[in-house]
């Protein structure tokens, strides 16, 4: 597992030296980097679950839309 510093540098290598300096001397920047790193790690950890949930959400959106259309069609045919 990489550290927050090495991860951020790998994501933004063109700013590597500035990131390294700020990370060492600026507590707010260090906290920002650590929060970013934690967020990225959680995204990776729960990626499969988020994908599954997204697929489920899309399925339910499609089902809801289809059912709504059926309801409208049903009502229209009865009027």
PDB file of N, CA and C in Angstrom:
ATOM      1  N   UNK A   1       0.846  -1.177   0.000  1.00  0.00           N
ATOM      2  CA  UNK A   1       0.000   0.000   0.000  1.00  0.00           C
ATOM      3  C   UNK A   1       0.891   1.240   0.000  1.00  0.00           C
ATOM      4  N   UNK A   2       0.539   2.191  -0.811  1.00  0.00           N
ATOM      5  CA  UNK A   2       1.335   3.409  -0.889  1.00  0.00           C
ATOM      6  C   UNK A   2       0.930   4.392   0.212  1.00  0.00           C
ATOM      7  N   UNK A   3       1.754   5.381   0.406  1.00  0.00           N
ATOM      8  CA  UNK A   3       1.445   6.432   1.377  1.00  0.00           C
ATOM      9  C   UNK A   3       0.670   7.535   0.672  1.00  0.00           C
ATOM     10  N   UNK A   4       0.004   8.406   1.433  1.00  0.00           N
ATOM     11  CA  UNK A   4      -0.691   9.528   0.796  1.00  0.00           C
ATOM     12  C   UNK A   4       0.246  10.353  -0.086  1.00  0.00           C
ATOM     13  N   UNK A   5       1.429  10.624   0.394  1.00  0.00           N
ATOM     14  CA  UNK A   5       2.374  11.431  -0.370  1.00  0.00           C
ATOM     15  C   UNK A   5       2.746  10.759  -1.688  1.00  0.00           C
ATOM     16  N   UNK A   6       3.145   9.516  -1.645  1.00  0.00           N
ATOM     17  CA  UNK A   6       3.551   8.849  -2.889  1.00  0.00           C
ATOM     18  C   UNK A   6       2.372   8.677  -3.845  1.00  0.00           C
ATOM     19  N   UNK A   7       1.188   8.477  -3.302  1.00  0.00           N
ATOM     20  CA  UNK A   7       0.010   8.334  -4.156  1.00  0.00           C
ATOM     21  C   UNK A   7      -0.297   9.647  -4.881  1.00  0.00           C
ATOM     22  N   UNK A   8      -0.283  10.751  -4.155  1.00  0.00           N
ATOM     23  CA  UNK A   8      -0.568  12.053  -4.752  1.00  0.00           C
ATOM     24  C   UNK A   8       0.481  12.384  -5.820  1.00  0.00           C
ATOM     25  N   UNK A   9       1.727  12.113  -5.522  1.00  0.00           N
ATOM     26  CA  UNK A   9       2.789  12.385  -6.498  1.00  0.00           C
ATOM     27  C   UNK A   9       2.607  11.522  -7.746  1.00  0.00           C
ATOM     28  N   UNK A  10       2.188  10.283  -7.554  1.00  0.00           N
ATOM     29  CA  UNK A  10       1.978   9.425  -8.722  1.00  0.00           C
ATOM     30  C   UNK A  10       0.799   9.911  -9.562  1.00  0.00           C
ATOM     31  N   UNK A  11      -0.179  10.572  -8.939  1.00  0.00           N
ATOM     32  CA  UNK A  11      -1.330  11.107  -9.657  1.00  0.00           C
ATOM     33  C   UNK A  11      -0.996  12.426 -10.361  1.00  0.00           C
ATOM     34  N   UNK A  12      -0.078  13.194  -9.774  1.00  0.00           N
ATOM     35  CA  UNK A  12       0.273  14.507 -10.312  1.00  0.00           C
ATOM     36  C   UNK A  12       1.797  14.655 -10.394  1.00  0.00           C
ATOM     37  N   UNK A  13       2.449  13.811 -11.181  1.00  0.00           N
ATOM     38  CA  UNK A  13       3.913  13.803 -11.192  1.00  0.00           C
ATOM     39  C   UNK A  13       4.543  15.123 -11.624  1.00  0.00           C
ATOM     40  N   UNK A  14       3.839  15.888 -12.440  1.00  0.00           N
ATOM     41  CA  UNK A  14       4.391  17.165 -12.897  1.00  0.00           C
ATOM     42  C   UNK A  14       4.507  18.182 -11.760  1.00  0.00           C
ATOM     43  N   UNK A  15       3.838  17.911 -10.634  1.00  0.00           N
ATOM     44  CA  UNK A  15       3.890  18.790  -9.461  1.00  0.00           C
ATOM     45  C   UNK A  15       4.593  18.115  -8.280  1.00  0.00           C
ATOM     46  N   UNK A  16       5.328  17.046  -8.572  1.00  0.00           N
ATOM     47  CA  UNK A  16       5.918  16.220  -7.527  1.00  0.00           C
ATOM     48  C   UNK A  16       6.735  16.969  -6.493  1.00  0.00           C
ATOM     49  N   UNK A  17       7.632  17.812  -6.937  1.00  0.00           N
ATOM     50  CA  UNK A  17       8.511  18.514  -5.996  1.00  0.00           C
ATOM     51  C   UNK A  17       7.718  19.478  -5.109  1.00  0.00           C
ATOM     52  N   UNK A  18       6.798  20.214  -5.702  1.00  0.00           N
ATOM     53  CA  UNK A  18       5.965  21.136  -4.923  1.00  0.00           C
ATOM     54  C   UNK A  18       5.110  20.370  -3.925  1.00  0.00           C
ATOM     55  N   UNK A  19       4.530  19.268  -4.361  1.00  0.00           N
ATOM     56  CA  UNK A  19       3.715  18.431  -3.463  1.00  0.00           C
ATOM     57  C   UNK A  19       4.557  17.953  -2.296  1.00  0.00           C
ATOM     58  N   UNK A  20       5.742  17.451  -2.584  1.00  0.00           N
ATOM     59  CA  UNK A  20       6.634  16.936  -1.540  1.00  0.00           C
ATOM     60  C   UNK A  20       6.947  18.021  -0.499  1.00  0.00           C
ATOM     61  N   UNK A  21       7.262  19.214  -0.961  1.00  0.00           N
ATOM     62  CA  UNK A  21       7.601  20.319  -0.047  1.00  0.00           C
ATOM     63  C   UNK A  21       6.377  20.732   0.775  1.00  0.00           C
ATOM     64  N   UNK A  22       5.257  20.954   0.093  1.00  0.00           N
ATOM     65  CA  UNK A  22       4.050  21.369   0.811  1.00  0.00           C
ATOM     66  C   UNK A  22       3.612  20.315   1.825  1.00  0.00           C
ATOM     67  N   UNK A  23       3.713  19.059   1.433  1.00  0.00           N
ATOM     68  CA  UNK A  23       3.314  17.969   2.323  1.00  0.00           C
ATOM     69  C   UNK A  23       4.149  17.987   3.607  1.00  0.00           C
ATOM     70  N   UNK A  24       5.410  18.318   3.481  1.00  0.00           N
ATOM     71  CA  UNK A  24       6.303  18.320   4.643  1.00  0.00           C
ATOM     72  C   UNK A  24       6.145  19.557   5.521  1.00  0.00           C
ATOM     73  N   UNK A  25       5.771  20.700   4.935  1.00  0.00           N
ATOM     74  CA  UNK A  25       5.770  21.942   5.720  1.00  0.00           C
ATOM     75  C   UNK A  25       4.381  22.522   5.998  1.00  0.00           C
ATOM     76  N   UNK A  26       3.365  22.073   5.286  1.00  0.00           N
ATOM     77  CA  UNK A  26       2.036  22.676   5.412  1.00  0.00           C
ATOM     78  C   UNK A  26       1.036  21.641   5.928  1.00  0.00           C
ATOM     79  N   UNK A  27       0.635  21.800   7.184  1.00  0.00           N
ATOM     80  CA  UNK A  27      -0.266  20.829   7.810  1.00  0.00           C
ATOM     81  C   UNK A  27      -1.623  20.768   7.107  1.00  0.00           C
ATOM     82  N   UNK A  28      -2.140  21.916   6.675  1.00  0.00           N
ATOM     83  CA  UNK A  28      -3.426  21.921   5.963  1.00  0.00           C
ATOM     84  C   UNK A  28      -3.329  21.149   4.651  1.00  0.00           C
ATOM     85  N   UNK A  29      -2.240  21.351   3.924  1.00  0.00           N
ATOM     86  CA  UNK A  29      -2.040  20.631   2.669  1.00  0.00           C
ATOM     87  C   UNK A  29      -1.889  19.139   2.928  1.00  0.00           C
ATOM     88  N   UNK A  30      -1.138  18.783   3.965  1.00  0.00           N
ATOM     89  CA  UNK A  30      -0.941  17.379   4.328  1.00  0.00           C
ATOM     90  C   UNK A  30      -2.291  16.725   4.656  1.00  0.00           C
ATOM     91  N   UNK A  31      -3.126  17.424   5.414  1.00  0.00           N
ATOM     92  CA  UNK A  31      -4.451  16.901   5.754  1.00  0.00           C
ATOM     93  C   UNK A  31      -5.304  16.728   4.508  1.00  0.00           C
ATOM     94  N   UNK A  32      -5.238  17.703   3.615  1.00  0.00           N
ATOM     95  CA  UNK A  32      -5.962  17.616   2.357  1.00  0.00           C
ATOM     96  C   UNK A  32      -5.518  16.386   1.564  1.00  0.00           C
ATOM     97  N   UNK A  33      -4.226  16.160   1.478  1.00  0.00           N
ATOM     98  CA  UNK A  33      -3.687  14.995   0.769  1.00  0.00           C
ATOM     99  C   UNK A  33      -4.119  13.689   1.439  1.00  0.00           C
ATOM    100  N   UNK A  34      -4.089  13.659   2.740  1.00  0.00           N
ATOM    101  CA  UNK A  34      -4.484  12.453   3.475  1.00  0.00           C
ATOM    102  C   UNK A  34      -5.974  12.173   3.292  1.00  0.00           C
ATOM    103  N   UNK A  35      -6.793  13.216   3.288  1.00  0.00           N
ATOM    104  CA  UNK A  35      -8.226  13.032   3.042  1.00  0.00           C
ATOM    105  C   UNK A  35      -8.470  12.519   1.627  1.00  0.00           C
ATOM    106  N   UNK A  36      -7.746  13.078   0.668  1.00  0.00           N
ATOM    107  CA  UNK A  36      -7.853  12.633  -0.720  1.00  0.00           C
ATOM    108  C   UNK A  36      -7.480  11.158  -0.838  1.00  0.00           C
ATOM    109  N   UNK A  37      -6.376  10.806  -0.221  1.00  0.00           N
ATOM    110  CA  UNK A  37      -5.889   9.434  -0.260  1.00  0.00           C
ATOM    111  C   UNK A  37      -6.917   8.483   0.361  1.00  0.00           C
ATOM    112  N   UNK A  38      -7.459   8.862   1.514  1.00  0.00           N
ATOM    113  CA  UNK A  38      -8.466   8.029   2.184  1.00  0.00           C
ATOM    114  C   UNK A  38      -9.686   7.855   1.297  1.00  0.00           C
ATOM    115  N   UNK A  39     -10.114   8.937   0.671  1.00  0.00           N
ATOM    116  CA  UNK A  39     -11.259   8.868  -0.231  1.00  0.00           C
ATOM    117  C   UNK A  39     -10.988   7.932  -1.403  1.00  0.00           C
ATOM    118  N   UNK A  40      -9.813   8.045  -2.009  1.00  0.00           N
ATOM    119  CA  UNK A  40      -9.449   7.169  -3.126  1.00  0.00           C
ATOM    120  C   UNK A  40      -9.408   5.702  -2.695  1.00  0.00           C
ATOM    121  N   UNK A  41      -8.864   5.437  -1.517  1.00  0.00           N
ATOM    122  CA  UNK A  41      -8.779   4.071  -1.034  1.00  0.00           C
ATOM    123  C   UNK A  41     -10.171   3.489  -0.779  1.00  0.00           C
ATOM    124  N   UNK A  42     -11.069   4.298  -0.252  1.00  0.00           N
ATOM    125  CA  UNK A  42     -12.441   3.834  -0.040  1.00  0.00           C
ATOM    126  C   UNK A  42     -13.146   3.575  -1.368  1.00  0.00           C
ATOM    127  N   UNK A  43     -12.897   4.439  -2.342  1.00  0.00           N
ATOM    128  CA  UNK A  43     -13.489   4.208  -3.658  1.00  0.00           C
ATOM    129  C   UNK A  43     -13.021   2.883  -4.231  1.00  0.00           C
ATOM    130  N   UNK A  44     -11.748   2.605  -4.109  1.00  0.00           N
ATOM    131  CA  UNK A  44     -11.218   1.333  -4.611  1.00  0.00           C
ATOM    132  C   UNK A  44     -11.810   0.150  -3.847  1.00  0.00           C
ATOM    133  N   UNK A  45     -11.875   0.293  -2.540  1.00  0.00           N
ATOM    134  CA  UNK A  45     -12.373  -0.792  -1.695  1.00  0.00           C
ATOM    135  C   UNK A  45     -13.829  -1.131  -2.022  1.00  0.00           C
ATOM    136  N   UNK A  46     -14.631  -0.105  -2.285  1.00  0.00           N
ATOM    137  CA  UNK A  46     -16.059  -0.317  -2.502  1.00  0.00           C
ATOM    138  C   UNK A  46     -16.469  -0.208  -3.964  1.00  0.00           C
ATOM    139  N   UNK A  47     -15.493  -0.218  -4.872  1.00  0.00           N
ATOM    140  CA  UNK A  47     -15.772  -0.044  -6.298  1.00  0.00           C
ATOM    141  C   UNK A  47     -16.777  -1.073  -6.818  1.00  0.00           C
ATOM    142  N   UNK A  48     -16.556  -2.338  -6.515  1.00  0.00           N
ATOM    143  CA  UNK A  48     -17.458  -3.375  -7.012  1.00  0.00           C
ATOM    144  C   UNK A  48     -18.868  -3.179  -6.475  1.00  0.00           C
ATOM    145  N   UNK A  49     -18.952  -2.812  -5.207  1.00  0.00           N
ATOM    146  CA  UNK A  49     -20.257  -2.576  -4.602  1.00  0.00           C
ATOM    147  C   UNK A  49     -20.947  -1.374  -5.248  1.00  0.00           C
ATOM    148  N   UNK A  50     -20.181  -0.317  -5.508  1.00  0.00           N
ATOM    149  CA  UNK A  50     -20.762   0.864  -6.143  1.00  0.00           C
ATOM    150  C   UNK A  50     -21.225   0.540  -7.551  1.00  0.00           C
ATOM    151  N   UNK A  51     -20.468  -0.262  -8.275  1.00  0.00           N
ATOM    152  CA  UNK A  51     -20.860  -0.655  -9.626  1.00  0.00           C
ATOM    153  C   UNK A  51     -22.143  -1.469  -9.569  1.00  0.00           C
ATOM    154  N   UNK A  52     -22.200  -2.409  -8.644  1.00  0.00           N
ATOM    155  CA  UNK A  52     -23.408  -3.226  -8.496  1.00  0.00           C
ATOM    156  C   UNK A  52     -24.600  -2.346  -8.150  1.00  0.00           C
ATOM    157  N   UNK A  53     -24.405  -1.406  -7.238  1.00  0.00           N
ATOM    158  CA  UNK A  53     -25.498  -0.511  -6.863  1.00  0.00           C
ATOM    159  C   UNK A  53     -25.919   0.360  -8.037  1.00  0.00           C
ATOM    160  N   UNK A  54     -24.962   0.808  -8.827  1.00  0.00           N
ATOM    161  CA  UNK A  54     -25.277   1.634  -9.991  1.00  0.00           C
ATOM    162  C   UNK A  54     -26.085   0.840 -11.007  1.00  0.00           C
ATOM    163  N   UNK A  55     -25.700  -0.418 -11.211  1.00  0.00           N
ATOM    164  CA  UNK A  55     -26.453  -1.268 -12.131  1.00  0.00           C
ATOM    165  C   UNK A  55     -27.871  -1.482 -11.605  1.00  0.00           C
ATOM    166  N   UNK A  56     -27.974  -1.710 -10.338  1.00  0.00           N
ATOM    167  CA  UNK A  56     -29.290  -1.919  -9.720  1.00  0.00           C
ATOM    168  C   UNK A  56     -30.134  -0.654  -9.850  1.00  0.00           C
ATOM    169  N   UNK A  57     -29.516   0.501  -9.620  1.00  0.00           N
ATOM    170  CA  UNK A  57     -30.234   1.767  -9.747  1.00  0.00           C
ATOM    171  C   UNK A  57     -30.748   1.944 -11.180  1.00  0.00           C
ATOM    172  N   UNK A  58     -29.898   1.659 -12.160  1.00  0.00           N
ATOM    173  CA  UNK A  58     -30.317   1.786 -13.558  1.00  0.00           C
ATOM    174  C   UNK A  58     -31.441   0.817 -13.897  1.00  0.00           C
ATOM    175  N   UNK A  59     -31.356  -0.401 -13.380  1.00  0.00           N
ATOM    176  CA  UNK A  59     -32.420  -1.377 -13.614  1.00  0.00           C
ATOM    177  C   UNK A  59     -33.747  -0.881 -13.053  1.00  0.00           C
ATOM    178  N   UNK A  60     -33.711  -0.343 -11.841  1.00  0.00           N
ATOM    179  CA  UNK A  60     -34.939   0.155 -11.232  1.00  0.00           C
ATOM    180  C   UNK A  60     -35.459   1.399 -11.937  1.00  0.00           C
ATOM    181  N   UNK A  61     -34.567   2.253 -12.424  1.00  0.00           N
ATOM    182  CA  UNK A  61     -35.009   3.417 -13.188  1.00  0.00           C
ATOM    183  C   UNK A  61     -35.730   2.963 -14.459  1.00  0.00           C
ATOM    184  N   UNK A  62     -35.158   1.970 -15.147  1.00  0.00           N
ATOM    185  CA  UNK A  62     -35.768   1.463 -16.367  1.00  0.00           C
ATOM    186  C   UNK A  62     -37.106   0.791 -16.062  1.00  0.00           C
ATOM    187  N   UNK A  63     -37.135  -0.003 -15.016  1.00  0.00           N
ATOM    188  CA  UNK A  63     -38.368  -0.674 -14.632  1.00  0.00           C
ATOM    189  C   UNK A  63     -39.444   0.346 -14.273  1.00  0.00           C
ATOM    190  N   UNK A  64     -39.074   1.353 -13.485  1.00  0.00           N
ATOM    191  CA  UNK A  64     -40.026   2.380 -13.088  1.00  0.00           C
ATOM    192  C   UNK A  64     -40.569   3.122 -14.301  1.00  0.00           C
ATOM    193  N   UNK A  65     -39.688   3.468 -15.214  1.00  0.00           N
ATOM    194  CA  UNK A  65     -40.110   4.154 -16.430  1.00  0.00           C
ATOM    195  C   UNK A  65     -41.048   3.281 -17.247  1.00  0.00           C
ATOM    196  N   UNK A  66     -40.706   2.034 -17.389  1.00  0.00           N
ATOM    197  CA  UNK A  66     -41.536   1.107 -18.143  1.00  0.00           C
ATOM    198  C   UNK A  66     -42.910   0.955 -17.492  1.00  0.00           C
ATOM    199  N   UNK A  67     -42.921   0.809 -16.193  1.00  0.00           N
ATOM    200  CA  UNK A  67     -44.199   0.676 -15.489  1.00  0.00           C
ATOM    201  C   UNK A  67     -45.030   1.949 -15.584  1.00  0.00           C
ATOM    202  N   UNK A  68     -44.371   3.087 -15.504  1.00  0.00           N
ATOM    203  CA  UNK A  68     -45.079   4.353 -15.648  1.00  0.00           C
ATOM    204  C   UNK A  68     -45.725   4.438 -17.030  1.00  0.00           C
ATOM    205  N   UNK A  69     -44.966   4.036 -18.046  1.00  0.00           N
ATOM    206  CA  UNK A  69     -45.534   4.034 -19.398  1.00  0.00           C
ATOM    207  C   UNK A  69     -46.715   3.075 -19.505  1.00  0.00           C
ATOM    208  N   UNK A  70     -46.611   1.930 -18.882  1.00  0.00           N
ATOM    209  CA  UNK A  70     -47.721   0.976 -18.896  1.00  0.00           C
ATOM    210  C   UNK A  70     -48.946   1.550 -18.195  1.00  0.00           C
ATOM    211  N   UNK A  71     -48.735   2.230 -17.088  1.00  0.00           N
ATOM    212  CA  UNK A  71     -49.850   2.843 -16.362  1.00  0.00           C
ATOM    213  C   UNK A  71     -50.522   3.895 -17.239  1.00  0.00           C
ATOM    214  N   UNK A  72     -49.712   4.738 -17.873  1.00  0.00           N
ATOM    215  CA  UNK A  72     -50.265   5.772 -18.749  1.00  0.00           C
ATOM    216  C   UNK A  72     -51.035   5.135 -19.901  1.00  0.00           C
ATOM    217  N   UNK A  73     -50.468   4.108 -20.490  1.00  0.00           N
ATOM    218  CA  UNK A  73     -51.135   3.406 -21.586  1.00  0.00           C
ATOM    219  C   UNK A  73     -52.437   2.776 -21.102  1.00  0.00           C
ATOM    220  N   UNK A  74     -52.401   2.172 -19.970  1.00  0.00           N
ATOM    221  CA  UNK A  74     -53.585   1.538 -19.390  1.00  0.00           C
ATOM    222  C   UNK A  74     -54.691   2.570 -19.178  1.00  0.00           C
ATOM    223  N   UNK A  75     -54.319   3.699 -18.587  1.00  0.00           N
ATOM    224  CA  UNK A  75     -55.299   4.763 -18.327  1.00  0.00           C
ATOM    225  C   UNK A  75     -55.827   5.326 -19.640  1.00  0.00           C
ATOM    226  N   UNK A  76     -54.934   5.568 -20.581  1.00  0.00           N
ATOM    227  CA  UNK A  76     -55.331   6.142 -21.873  1.00  0.00           C
ATOM    228  C   UNK A  76     -56.302   5.227 -22.589  1.00  0.00           C
ATOM    229  N   UNK A  77     -56.109   3.938 -22.532  1.00  0.00           N
ATOM    230  CA  UNK A  77     -56.991   2.990 -23.200  1.00  0.00           C
ATOM    231  C   UNK A  77     -58.345   2.880 -22.516  1.00  0.00           C
ATOM    232  N   UNK A  78     -58.464   3.353 -21.296  1.00  0.00           N
ATOM    233  CA  UNK A  78     -59.720   3.255 -20.554  1.00  0.00           C
ATOM    234  C   UNK A  78     -60.530   4.541 -20.635  1.00  0.00           C
ATOM    235  N   UNK A  79     -59.916   5.598 -21.145  1.00  0.00           N
ATOM    236  CA  UNK A  79     -60.625   6.884 -21.209  1.00  0.00           C
ATOM    237  C   UNK A  79     -61.416   7.009 -22.487  1.00  0.00           C
TER     238      UNK A  79
END
